[in-house]
Structures are given as C-alpha cells and as structure tokens.
Amino acid sequence: MPMTHLMEEIYQQPAALSGLRKYYTSPGAIPTKALRRLVSAWPPTVVFTGMGSSLFAAYPAQVFLSSLGIRSLVWETAELLHFHQKCLGPDTLLVAVSQSGETVEILRLLEALPAQAKVVALANVENSTLARRGSLLLPMMAGRQTTVSTKTYTCAVAVLMYLAYALAGKPPHGLTQALMEAIEEIEKLLDRAEVLIPPAAEFFGQPPYVALLARGADLASAYQGALMFKEVMRLGAEPLSAGQFRHGPVEIINSAHRYIIFARQGKTAKLLLKLANDIRTNGGRVLLIGDQPFEDTTNVRLVRFEPVPLGLGTLVDSIYIQLLVHELALRAGLEPGRFWLATDVTREE
C-alpha cells in the first residue's frame, strides 16, 4: 500500500495508544478529588460534547457509565450551544472534546457558559483555547495530525474511557488490559493489511449508497466509519442504529448498496447477526465486522477479530475502515485524506 500522509497516521496509532496507556495508568493522571470539586453532586450527570469524531468517540464511555447507573449523555455541541444549555446545572460534569481545541462550536459554547462553569477539556493541542479554558485538561496525546481524524479519534476513545473509570471510582487495571488487547489486534491488522484489504475493496466496489449499522458502544464505529467514507471517499454513507434500520430504511435494501454491520459480543449480538442474514437474503451485500462466526457467507464478507471488551473493539474496527477507505480512494483516483472543501479545524458555524 502506498505510504501517503493518511497511511502514515493510520500506522502511528498503536504507538500513540501505547504512550497514552502509560500516561493514564500513572497515579494522578486523572485526579479524582479535582473531578469531585467540579460538581455539586457525586456521581454527576455527565455530558460529553464535541463535533464529528470528537463526539463519536464518547459512545463507549457513555455506555460504560450507563451500565453502572451513572447518567451520561452524548450531545452535539452545535445543538447544545443553541438549544439545550439550560439543561446544564451544578450537578453536570461537562466534558468538551476537540482535537484542535479551536472548533467554532466549542469556542462559542465556552463563551456562552457562565464564568463559574466548570469544564473537563479533552484536547490534542495543549495550548489551545479549550485546553486553557478547561478546569481540568486531559491531553489526547495523539501527536500532530495533518489529515482526517484517525489517531485523534482512537486516542479520544481511550482517554474518555479512562475518564469514565475515574468517574466510576474503578481502578484502571481492567481498562488497561483491554486497551493492550486492542493494540495487539491493531498491530496484527496493520501487519496483514496488504493481504486483508484488497479483497475487501473488491467485494465493496463503488456503491452509490453505504449504510453503517451498529448498536451500543459500537455506534462509535458506525458514525466514525461513515465520516471516513465521506471525507476520504467522497461517498454518501449513512450511520444508523441497527434497531432504527428495521423502521423504514430496510425498504431500500438493494444489491447495488453496501451494508457494514459491526457485530461484537454483547446484549444485541444475535440481533445484529440476524439483521445481517436478513439483508443478505434480500439481496444486500454485507461487510460484517466483529468477533463472532457467521455460517452462510453468500453476499457477506466476514471480517473477524478477537474479542475486545469495554467497547474498545471500535479501536480495531475503525482502523479497518480507515485502511479500506484509503484503498477505495486510491482505486477511485482520489488523494486519500485531502480536504477539498473543509479544513482540519472548522472555524465557521
């Protein structure tokens, strides 16, 4: 595979995640006492906010906190800014996520908040406005990113999970083990990318429509994957809850379309596999990504990884999608990762 700028940053992700793991397992990396001082009640209501991949990265942390009975929301900053600010109270822990720390919606939200409002800032640029304004800074530690969001997404997922563990009062050992397992899977994937990706690209082709379907923490993979198709491939891709797909979108199943289903172990695994089977039997072609077997692969390409707990399968699955869209872009004569209309920092709302 050609070593473009995008590919270089894809391959930098295991090292970035390993460095992040070492930092956030050190004592005091996320000071619990400082967190408690930011809110009037404990555990707080947690609101994760960001735009694009910074928003999507919060789904695994939200699912983890919800499973423990800790109220948590993933809220797009543009909507929070204009319509929902009054929902933020003294018992709310606002976690603002932005790679650059200069995203226009984040800056306007910071301006609109009361001066005494406390914010946990997750930023990759540590001298940014968000980093300076935050009551507590959690560095993303992804290194410089020059193309579309790859390592800043995966690093944000991991940092937010370390934050979720701190909020839950749990020692990070289990999370660190899961992250190490994810890194190992990523390294194996990258080592075999030249063998694994071209056949998948052949199966995928150049469809007019792509739907990416998941549930729970894996919604992060669906939303981030769809963003990658749009940014790198210039291809209209729709991320959907797999449950919502049954409510109308199922009517447009077509052999010309492609359906990517993220089906990892969990409460809804059987439902996701059944959906994959229903789509393929109705003529749709499915790229099935997960950690489970699938018997009849007619109209299906199965991409199987080892199980990774705590919703961190998205780290592996999203890198697979990064590699796939890179290959598809090259085949379409596009320069992978080049912005045509947008920029790496969105400064206009």
Foldseek 3Di string as FASTA:
>chain_A
DDCALLNVLLVCQLVQLVVLLVQLLDPPLPDLVLQVVQADDAPFAEEEEEDALQLLLQQLLCLVCVVVVRHYYRDYLVCCLPPNVVVDDRRYAYEYEDAALQFASNVSSLVPDPLSHAYEYEYQDCVHPSNVSHSHYNHLRSPDRAFDDANSSLSSNLSSNSVSCSSVVHNCPVVSVLSVVLSVQQVVCVVCVVPPQPVVLVLQDQAQEEEEEEDGLCLSLRRNLQVQCCFFVVHHYHYDYPVCCVVPVVVPLDLRYEYEYEAEDDDCNVVSLVSVVVSVVVNHAYEYEYADDHDDQRSYDYHHDHHRPSSSVSSRSNSSSSSNSCVNSVVVVHRGRDGDDAGPHHNDD
